[in-house]
Amino acid sequence: MSNPEQSRAAFAEAAISAYLARQPFAADRIEGIHQWWIDWQGQIESIELTAQALERLKAAGVVECMPFGHTRIWRAARRA
């Protein structure tokens, strides 16, 4: 991943984390997260950046992914 891509992925991670801090019970598909949770400030960004951000947040234990029908839903990780 190039430096500008890393910066945009980090921006997406921060935006997702901030959204979940405001809406802790939010859950959505990657498309909804990409469109509604992240304010791309008028830029057209690849959904791949959102996918990378979600995977990094998942590895950090911030979010979790659950199967839901034929898709996957992302939400804040639930602590046991």
PDB file of N, CA and C in Angstrom:
ATOM      1  N   MET A   1       0.860  -1.177   0.000  1.00  0.00           N
ATOM      2  CA  MET A   1       0.000   0.000   0.000  1.00  0.00           C
ATOM      3  C   MET A   1       0.901   1.234   0.000  1.00  0.00           C
ATOM      4  N   SER A   2       0.624   2.180  -0.870  1.00  0.00           N
ATOM      5  CA  SER A   2       1.431   3.392  -0.955  1.00  0.00           C
ATOM      6  C   SER A   2       1.145   4.314   0.222  1.00  0.00           C
ATOM      7  N   ASN A   3       2.013   5.289   0.435  1.00  0.00           N
ATOM      8  CA  ASN A   3       1.859   6.216   1.555  1.00  0.00           C
ATOM      9  C   ASN A   3       0.535   6.975   1.523  1.00  0.00           C
ATOM     10  N   PRO A   4       0.102   7.543   0.370  1.00  0.00           N
ATOM     11  CA  PRO A   4      -1.207   8.201   0.350  1.00  0.00           C
ATOM     12  C   PRO A   4      -2.353   7.230   0.657  1.00  0.00           C
ATOM     13  N   GLU A   5      -2.238   5.989   0.190  1.00  0.00           N
ATOM     14  CA  GLU A   5      -3.261   4.976   0.477  1.00  0.00           C
ATOM     15  C   GLU A   5      -3.293   4.658   1.963  1.00  0.00           C
ATOM     16  N   GLN A   6      -2.127   4.541   2.584  1.00  0.00           N
ATOM     17  CA  GLN A   6      -2.058   4.285   4.023  1.00  0.00           C
ATOM     18  C   GLN A   6      -2.721   5.421   4.785  1.00  0.00           C
ATOM     19  N   SER A   7      -2.480   6.629   4.346  1.00  0.00           N
ATOM     20  CA  SER A   7      -3.063   7.805   4.992  1.00  0.00           C
ATOM     21  C   SER A   7      -4.583   7.779   4.870  1.00  0.00           C
ATOM     22  N   ARG A   8      -5.103   7.435   3.698  1.00  0.00           N
ATOM     23  CA  ARG A   8      -6.553   7.381   3.492  1.00  0.00           C
ATOM     24  C   ARG A   8      -7.173   6.220   4.266  1.00  0.00           C
ATOM     25  N   ALA A   9      -6.464   5.084   4.345  1.00  0.00           N
ATOM     26  CA  ALA A   9      -6.965   3.959   5.127  1.00  0.00           C
ATOM     27  C   ALA A   9      -6.992   4.325   6.614  1.00  0.00           C
ATOM     28  N   ALA A  10      -5.964   5.032   7.082  1.00  0.00           N
ATOM     29  CA  ALA A  10      -5.939   5.485   8.480  1.00  0.00           C
ATOM     30  C   ALA A  10      -7.077   6.481   8.722  1.00  0.00           C
ATOM     31  N   PHE A  11      -7.354   7.334   7.742  1.00  0.00           N
ATOM     32  CA  PHE A  11      -8.479   8.275   7.830  1.00  0.00           C
ATOM     33  C   PHE A  11      -9.788   7.497   7.969  1.00  0.00           C
ATOM     34  N   ALA A  12      -9.947   6.442   7.172  1.00  0.00           N
ATOM     35  CA  ALA A  12     -11.155   5.620   7.222  1.00  0.00           C
ATOM     36  C   ALA A  12     -11.275   4.920   8.580  1.00  0.00           C
ATOM     37  N   GLU A  13     -10.166   4.399   9.091  1.00  0.00           N
ATOM     38  CA  GLU A  13     -10.189   3.765  10.415  1.00  0.00           C
ATOM     39  C   GLU A  13     -10.660   4.751  11.478  1.00  0.00           C
ATOM     40  N   ALA A  14     -10.104   5.947  11.460  1.00  0.00           N
ATOM     41  CA  ALA A  14     -10.478   6.962  12.450  1.00  0.00           C
ATOM     42  C   ALA A  14     -11.950   7.340  12.315  1.00  0.00           C
ATOM     43  N   ALA A  15     -12.430   7.458  11.086  1.00  0.00           N
ATOM     44  CA  ALA A  15     -13.824   7.823  10.855  1.00  0.00           C
ATOM     45  C   ALA A  15     -14.765   6.727  11.361  1.00  0.00           C
ATOM     46  N   ILE A  16     -14.420   5.477  11.112  1.00  0.00           N
ATOM     47  CA  ILE A  16     -15.242   4.357  11.574  1.00  0.00           C
ATOM     48  C   ILE A  16     -15.250   4.316  13.100  1.00  0.00           C
ATOM     49  N   SER A  17     -14.094   4.462  13.708  1.00  0.00           N
ATOM     50  CA  SER A  17     -14.006   4.470  15.171  1.00  0.00           C
ATOM     51  C   SER A  17     -14.817   5.612  15.772  1.00  0.00           C
ATOM     52  N   ALA A  18     -14.734   6.787  15.174  1.00  0.00           N
ATOM     53  CA  ALA A  18     -15.490   7.947  15.674  1.00  0.00           C
ATOM     54  C   ALA A  18     -16.990   7.717  15.519  1.00  0.00           C
ATOM     55  N   TYR A  19     -17.388   7.135  14.402  1.00  0.00           N
ATOM     56  CA  TYR A  19     -18.805   6.851  14.176  1.00  0.00           C
ATOM     57  C   TYR A  19     -19.318   5.893  15.244  1.00  0.00           C
ATOM     58  N   LEU A  20     -18.554   4.855  15.524  1.00  0.00           N
ATOM     59  CA  LEU A  20     -18.974   3.875  16.524  1.00  0.00           C
ATOM     60  C   LEU A  20     -18.959   4.455  17.940  1.00  0.00           C
ATOM     61  N   ALA A  21     -18.105   5.430  18.182  1.00  0.00           N
ATOM     62  CA  ALA A  21     -18.115   6.099  19.490  1.00  0.00           C
ATOM     63  C   ALA A  21     -19.424   6.870  19.676  1.00  0.00           C
ATOM     64  N   ARG A  22     -19.936   7.436  18.575  1.00  0.00           N
ATOM     65  CA  ARG A  22     -21.196   8.187  18.626  1.00  0.00           C
ATOM     66  C   ARG A  22     -22.410   7.267  18.560  1.00  0.00           C
ATOM     67  N   GLN A  23     -22.280   6.169  17.835  1.00  0.00           N
ATOM     68  CA  GLN A  23     -23.391   5.227  17.599  1.00  0.00           C
ATOM     69  C   GLN A  23     -22.911   3.807  17.943  1.00  0.00           C
ATOM     70  N   PRO A  24     -22.766   3.474  19.228  1.00  0.00           N
ATOM     71  CA  PRO A  24     -22.133   2.197  19.597  1.00  0.00           C
ATOM     72  C   PRO A  24     -22.896   0.939  19.169  1.00  0.00           C
ATOM     73  N   PHE A  25     -24.170   1.068  18.846  1.00  0.00           N
ATOM     74  CA  PHE A  25     -24.937  -0.108  18.431  1.00  0.00           C
ATOM     75  C   PHE A  25     -25.171  -0.145  16.920  1.00  0.00           C
ATOM     76  N   ALA A  26     -24.469   0.698  16.178  1.00  0.00           N
ATOM     77  CA  ALA A  26     -24.602   0.722  14.724  1.00  0.00           C
ATOM     78  C   ALA A  26     -24.034  -0.562  14.120  1.00  0.00           C
ATOM     79  N   ALA A  27     -24.615  -0.973  13.027  1.00  0.00           N
ATOM     80  CA  ALA A  27     -24.141  -2.135  12.277  1.00  0.00           C
ATOM     81  C   ALA A  27     -24.537  -1.927  10.823  1.00  0.00           C
ATOM     82  N   ASP A  28     -23.667  -2.333   9.908  1.00  0.00           N
ATOM     83  CA  ASP A  28     -23.971  -2.138   8.490  1.00  0.00           C
ATOM     84  C   ASP A  28     -23.078  -3.028   7.647  1.00  0.00           C
ATOM     85  N   ARG A  29     -23.454  -3.121   6.374  1.00  0.00           N
ATOM     86  CA  ARG A  29     -22.612  -3.788   5.380  1.00  0.00           C
ATOM     87  C   ARG A  29     -21.484  -2.834   5.002  1.00  0.00           C
ATOM     88  N   ILE A  30     -20.460  -3.356   4.379  1.00  0.00           N
ATOM     89  CA  ILE A  30     -19.320  -2.534   3.998  1.00  0.00           C
ATOM     90  C   ILE A  30     -19.737  -1.370   3.095  1.00  0.00           C
ATOM     91  N   GLU A  31     -20.711  -1.614   2.224  1.00  0.00           N
ATOM     92  CA  GLU A  31     -21.154  -0.536   1.320  1.00  0.00           C
ATOM     93  C   GLU A  31     -21.760   0.629   2.107  1.00  0.00           C
ATOM     94  N   GLY A  32     -22.569   0.315   3.122  1.00  0.00           N
ATOM     95  CA  GLY A  32     -23.168   1.358   3.943  1.00  0.00           C
ATOM     96  C   GLY A  32     -22.128   2.099   4.761  1.00  0.00           C
ATOM     97  N   ILE A  33     -21.167   1.359   5.313  1.00  0.00           N
ATOM     98  CA  ILE A  33     -20.090   1.994   6.077  1.00  0.00           C
ATOM     99  C   ILE A  33     -19.312   2.937   5.176  1.00  0.00           C
ATOM    100  N   HIS A  34     -18.980   2.468   3.994  1.00  0.00           N
ATOM    101  CA  HIS A  34     -18.215   3.281   3.042  1.00  0.00           C
ATOM    102  C   HIS A  34     -18.969   4.561   2.672  1.00  0.00           C
ATOM    103  N   GLN A  35     -20.262   4.453   2.474  1.00  0.00           N
ATOM    104  CA  GLN A  35     -21.044   5.602   2.021  1.00  0.00           C
ATOM    105  C   GLN A  35     -21.483   6.522   3.157  1.00  0.00           C
ATOM    106  N   TRP A  36     -21.896   5.951   4.305  1.00  0.00           N
ATOM    107  CA  TRP A  36     -22.545   6.752   5.337  1.00  0.00           C
ATOM    108  C   TRP A  36     -21.702   7.023   6.578  1.00  0.00           C
ATOM    109  N   TRP A  37     -20.797   6.132   6.920  1.00  0.00           N
ATOM    110  CA  TRP A  37     -20.028   6.310   8.155  1.00  0.00           C
ATOM    111  C   TRP A  37     -18.791   7.168   7.943  1.00  0.00           C
ATOM    112  N   ILE A  38     -18.298   7.236   6.722  1.00  0.00           N
ATOM    113  CA  ILE A  38     -17.054   7.948   6.435  1.00  0.00           C
ATOM    114  C   ILE A  38     -17.360   9.156   5.564  1.00  0.00           C
ATOM    115  N   ASP A  39     -17.003  10.329   6.046  1.00  0.00           N
ATOM    116  CA  ASP A  39     -17.166  11.553   5.250  1.00  0.00           C
ATOM    117  C   ASP A  39     -15.903  11.730   4.405  1.00  0.00           C
ATOM    118  N   TRP A  40     -16.004  11.321   3.158  1.00  0.00           N
ATOM    119  CA  TRP A  40     -14.852  11.386   2.263  1.00  0.00           C
ATOM    120  C   TRP A  40     -14.608  12.796   1.743  1.00  0.00           C
ATOM    121  N   GLN A  41     -15.363  13.751   2.201  1.00  0.00           N
ATOM    122  CA  GLN A  41     -15.184  15.167   1.864  1.00  0.00           C
ATOM    123  C   GLN A  41     -15.189  15.400   0.354  1.00  0.00           C
ATOM    124  N   GLY A  42     -16.159  14.765  -0.302  1.00  0.00           N
ATOM    125  CA  GLY A  42     -16.339  14.972  -1.727  1.00  0.00           C
ATOM    126  C   GLY A  42     -15.422  14.162  -2.623  1.00  0.00           C
ATOM    127  N   GLN A  43     -14.482  13.446  -2.043  1.00  0.00           N
ATOM    128  CA  GLN A  43     -13.562  12.629  -2.832  1.00  0.00           C
ATOM    129  C   GLN A  43     -14.225  11.285  -3.139  1.00  0.00           C
ATOM    130  N   ILE A  44     -13.926  10.741  -4.277  1.00  0.00           N
ATOM    131  CA  ILE A  44     -14.392   9.396  -4.616  1.00  0.00           C
ATOM    132  C   ILE A  44     -13.267   8.448  -4.240  1.00  0.00           C
ATOM    133  N   GLU A  45     -13.563   7.578  -3.287  1.00  0.00           N
ATOM    134  CA  GLU A  45     -12.552   6.644  -2.796  1.00  0.00           C
ATOM    135  C   GLU A  45     -12.987   5.213  -3.060  1.00  0.00           C
ATOM    136  N   SER A  46     -12.019   4.347  -3.192  1.00  0.00           N
ATOM    137  CA  SER A  46     -12.268   2.931  -3.429  1.00  0.00           C
ATOM    138  C   SER A  46     -12.819   2.287  -2.159  1.00  0.00           C
ATOM    139  N   ILE A  47     -13.785   1.421  -2.342  1.00  0.00           N
ATOM    140  CA  ILE A  47     -14.330   0.670  -1.206  1.00  0.00           C
ATOM    141  C   ILE A  47     -13.251  -0.220  -0.591  1.00  0.00           C
ATOM    142  N   GLU A  48     -12.196  -0.490  -1.341  1.00  0.00           N
ATOM    143  CA  GLU A  48     -11.078  -1.283  -0.830  1.00  0.00           C
ATOM    144  C   GLU A  48     -10.428  -0.596   0.378  1.00  0.00           C
ATOM    145  N   LEU A  49     -10.396   0.727   0.402  1.00  0.00           N
ATOM    146  CA  LEU A  49      -9.856   1.438   1.572  1.00  0.00           C
ATOM    147  C   LEU A  49     -10.691   1.151   2.809  1.00  0.00           C
ATOM    148  N   THR A  50     -12.000   1.122   2.645  1.00  0.00           N
ATOM    149  CA  THR A  50     -12.891   0.812   3.763  1.00  0.00           C
ATOM    150  C   THR A  50     -12.681  -0.630   4.204  1.00  0.00           C
ATOM    151  N   ALA A  51     -12.525  -1.537   3.256  1.00  0.00           N
ATOM    152  CA  ALA A  51     -12.281  -2.940   3.594  1.00  0.00           C
ATOM    153  C   ALA A  51     -10.977  -3.089   4.384  1.00  0.00           C
ATOM    154  N   GLN A  52      -9.929  -2.401   3.952  1.00  0.00           N
ATOM    155  CA  GLN A  52      -8.651  -2.458   4.665  1.00  0.00           C
ATOM    156  C   GLN A  52      -8.790  -1.891   6.068  1.00  0.00           C
ATOM    157  N   ALA A  53      -9.492  -0.784   6.192  1.00  0.00           N
ATOM    158  CA  ALA A  53      -9.696  -0.165   7.503  1.00  0.00           C
ATOM    159  C   ALA A  53     -10.464  -1.106   8.422  1.00  0.00           C
ATOM    160  N   LEU A  54     -11.516  -1.733   7.912  1.00  0.00           N
ATOM    161  CA  LEU A  54     -12.304  -2.658   8.728  1.00  0.00           C
ATOM    162  C   LEU A  54     -11.466  -3.858   9.159  1.00  0.00           C
ATOM    163  N   GLU A  55     -10.674  -4.400   8.273  1.00  0.00           N
ATOM    164  CA  GLU A  55      -9.835  -5.545   8.623  1.00  0.00           C
ATOM    165  C   GLU A  55      -8.812  -5.169   9.693  1.00  0.00           C
ATOM    166  N   ARG A  56      -8.242  -3.984   9.600  1.00  0.00           N
ATOM    167  CA  ARG A  56      -7.282  -3.542  10.614  1.00  0.00           C
ATOM    168  C   ARG A  56      -7.981  -3.312  11.947  1.00  0.00           C
ATOM    169  N   LEU A  57      -9.168  -2.734  11.921  1.00  0.00           N
ATOM    170  CA  LEU A  57      -9.929  -2.534  13.157  1.00  0.00           C
ATOM    171  C   LEU A  57     -10.362  -3.874  13.754  1.00  0.00           C
ATOM    172  N   LYS A  58     -10.665  -4.837  12.897  1.00  0.00           N
ATOM    173  CA  LYS A  58     -11.027  -6.178  13.373  1.00  0.00           C
ATOM    174  C   LYS A  58      -9.822  -6.819  14.067  1.00  0.00           C
ATOM    175  N   ALA A  59      -8.660  -6.718  13.465  1.00  0.00           N
ATOM    176  CA  ALA A  59      -7.441  -7.283  14.053  1.00  0.00           C
ATOM    177  C   ALA A  59      -7.125  -6.636  15.405  1.00  0.00           C
ATOM    178  N   ALA A  60      -7.504  -5.369  15.559  1.00  0.00           N
ATOM    179  CA  ALA A  60      -7.270  -4.650  16.810  1.00  0.00           C
ATOM    180  C   ALA A  60      -8.373  -4.887  17.842  1.00  0.00           C
ATOM    181  N   GLY A  61      -9.400  -5.643  17.445  1.00  0.00           N
ATOM    182  CA  GLY A  61     -10.489  -5.940  18.365  1.00  0.00           C
ATOM    183  C   GLY A  61     -11.513  -4.838  18.515  1.00  0.00           C
ATOM    184  N   VAL A  62     -11.526  -3.894  17.583  1.00  0.00           N
ATOM    185  CA  VAL A  62     -12.451  -2.765  17.647  1.00  0.00           C
ATOM    186  C   VAL A  62     -13.797  -3.106  17.025  1.00  0.00           C
ATOM    187  N   VAL A  63     -13.773  -3.849  15.919  1.00  0.00           N
ATOM    188  CA  VAL A  63     -15.010  -4.234  15.234  1.00  0.00           C
ATOM    189  C   VAL A  63     -15.041  -5.750  15.059  1.00  0.00           C
ATOM    190  N   GLU A  64     -16.226  -6.240  14.749  1.00  0.00           N
ATOM    191  CA  GLU A  64     -16.370  -7.648  14.405  1.00  0.00           C
ATOM    192  C   GLU A  64     -17.281  -7.755  13.200  1.00  0.00           C
ATOM    193  N   CYS A  65     -17.162  -8.868  12.527  1.00  0.00           N
ATOM    194  CA  CYS A  65     -17.929  -9.115  11.316  1.00  0.00           C
ATOM    195  C   CYS A  65     -18.767 -10.363  11.530  1.00  0.00           C
ATOM    196  N   MET A  66     -20.038 -10.267  11.159  1.00  0.00           N
ATOM    197  CA  MET A  66     -20.949 -11.385  11.343  1.00  0.00           C
ATOM    198  C   MET A  66     -21.644 -11.704  10.025  1.00  0.00           C
ATOM    199  N   PRO A  67     -21.817 -12.997   9.730  1.00  0.00           N
ATOM    200  CA  PRO A  67     -22.592 -13.349   8.543  1.00  0.00           C
ATOM    201  C   PRO A  67     -24.054 -12.982   8.770  1.00  0.00           C
ATOM    202  N   PHE A  68     -24.679 -12.489   7.725  1.00  0.00           N
ATOM    203  CA  PHE A  68     -26.095 -12.117   7.787  1.00  0.00           C
ATOM    204  C   PHE A  68     -26.695 -12.425   6.430  1.00  0.00           C
ATOM    205  N   GLY A  69     -27.333 -13.562   6.317  1.00  0.00           N
ATOM    206  CA  GLY A  69     -27.848 -13.987   5.018  1.00  0.00           C
ATOM    207  C   GLY A  69     -26.700 -14.225   4.058  1.00  0.00           C
ATOM    208  N   HIS A  70     -26.750 -13.551   2.919  1.00  0.00           N
ATOM    209  CA  HIS A  70     -25.706 -13.695   1.898  1.00  0.00           C
ATOM    210  C   HIS A  70     -24.678 -12.593   1.964  1.00  0.00           C
ATOM    211  N   THR A  71     -24.641 -11.861   3.066  1.00  0.00           N
ATOM    212  CA  THR A  71     -23.698 -10.757   3.195  1.00  0.00           C
ATOM    213  C   THR A  71     -23.047 -10.814   4.574  1.00  0.00           C
ATOM    214  N   ARG A  72     -22.263  -9.808   4.875  1.00  0.00           N
ATOM    215  CA  ARG A  72     -21.620  -9.702   6.192  1.00  0.00           C
ATOM    216  C   ARG A  72     -21.937  -8.334   6.777  1.00  0.00           C
ATOM    217  N   ILE A  73     -22.164  -8.319   8.071  1.00  0.00           N
ATOM    218  CA  ILE A  73     -22.461  -7.088   8.794  1.00  0.00           C
ATOM    219  C   ILE A  73     -21.301  -6.783   9.734  1.00  0.00           C
ATOM    220  N   TRP A  74     -20.899  -5.527   9.746  1.00  0.00           N
ATOM    221  CA  TRP A  74     -19.835  -5.059  10.625  1.00  0.00           C
ATOM    222  C   TRP A  74     -20.463  -4.246  11.751  1.00  0.00           C
ATOM    223  N   ARG A  75     -19.907  -4.405  12.958  1.00  0.00           N
ATOM    224  CA  ARG A  75     -20.370  -3.644  14.121  1.00  0.00           C
ATOM    225  C   ARG A  75     -19.218  -3.553  15.120  1.00  0.00           C
ATOM    226  N   ALA A  76     -19.428  -2.742  16.156  1.00  0.00           N
ATOM    227  CA  ALA A  76     -18.442  -2.658  17.233  1.00  0.00           C
ATOM    228  C   ALA A  76     -18.296  -4.032  17.867  1.00  0.00           C
ATOM    229  N   ALA A  77     -17.085  -4.392  18.218  1.00  0.00           N
ATOM    230  CA  ALA A  77     -16.860  -5.679  18.856  1.00  0.00           C
ATOM    231  C   ALA A  77     -17.581  -5.700  20.193  1.00  0.00           C
ATOM    232  N   ARG A  78     -18.248  -6.791  20.470  1.00  0.00           N
ATOM    233  CA  ARG A  78     -18.942  -6.960  21.739  1.00  0.00           C
ATOM    234  C   ARG A  78     -18.009  -7.631  22.720  1.00  0.00           C
ATOM    235  N   ARG A  79     -17.893  -7.037  23.859  1.00  0.00           N
ATOM    236  CA  ARG A  79     -17.026  -7.600  24.906  1.00  0.00           C
ATOM    237  C   ARG A  79     -17.836  -8.609  25.716  1.00  0.00           C
ATOM    238  N   ALA A  80     -17.241  -9.739  25.971  1.00  0.00           N
ATOM    239  CA  ALA A  80     -17.937 -10.790  26.742  1.00  0.00           C
ATOM    240  C   ALA A  80     -17.895 -10.504  28.233  1.00  0.00           C
TER     241      ALA A  80
END
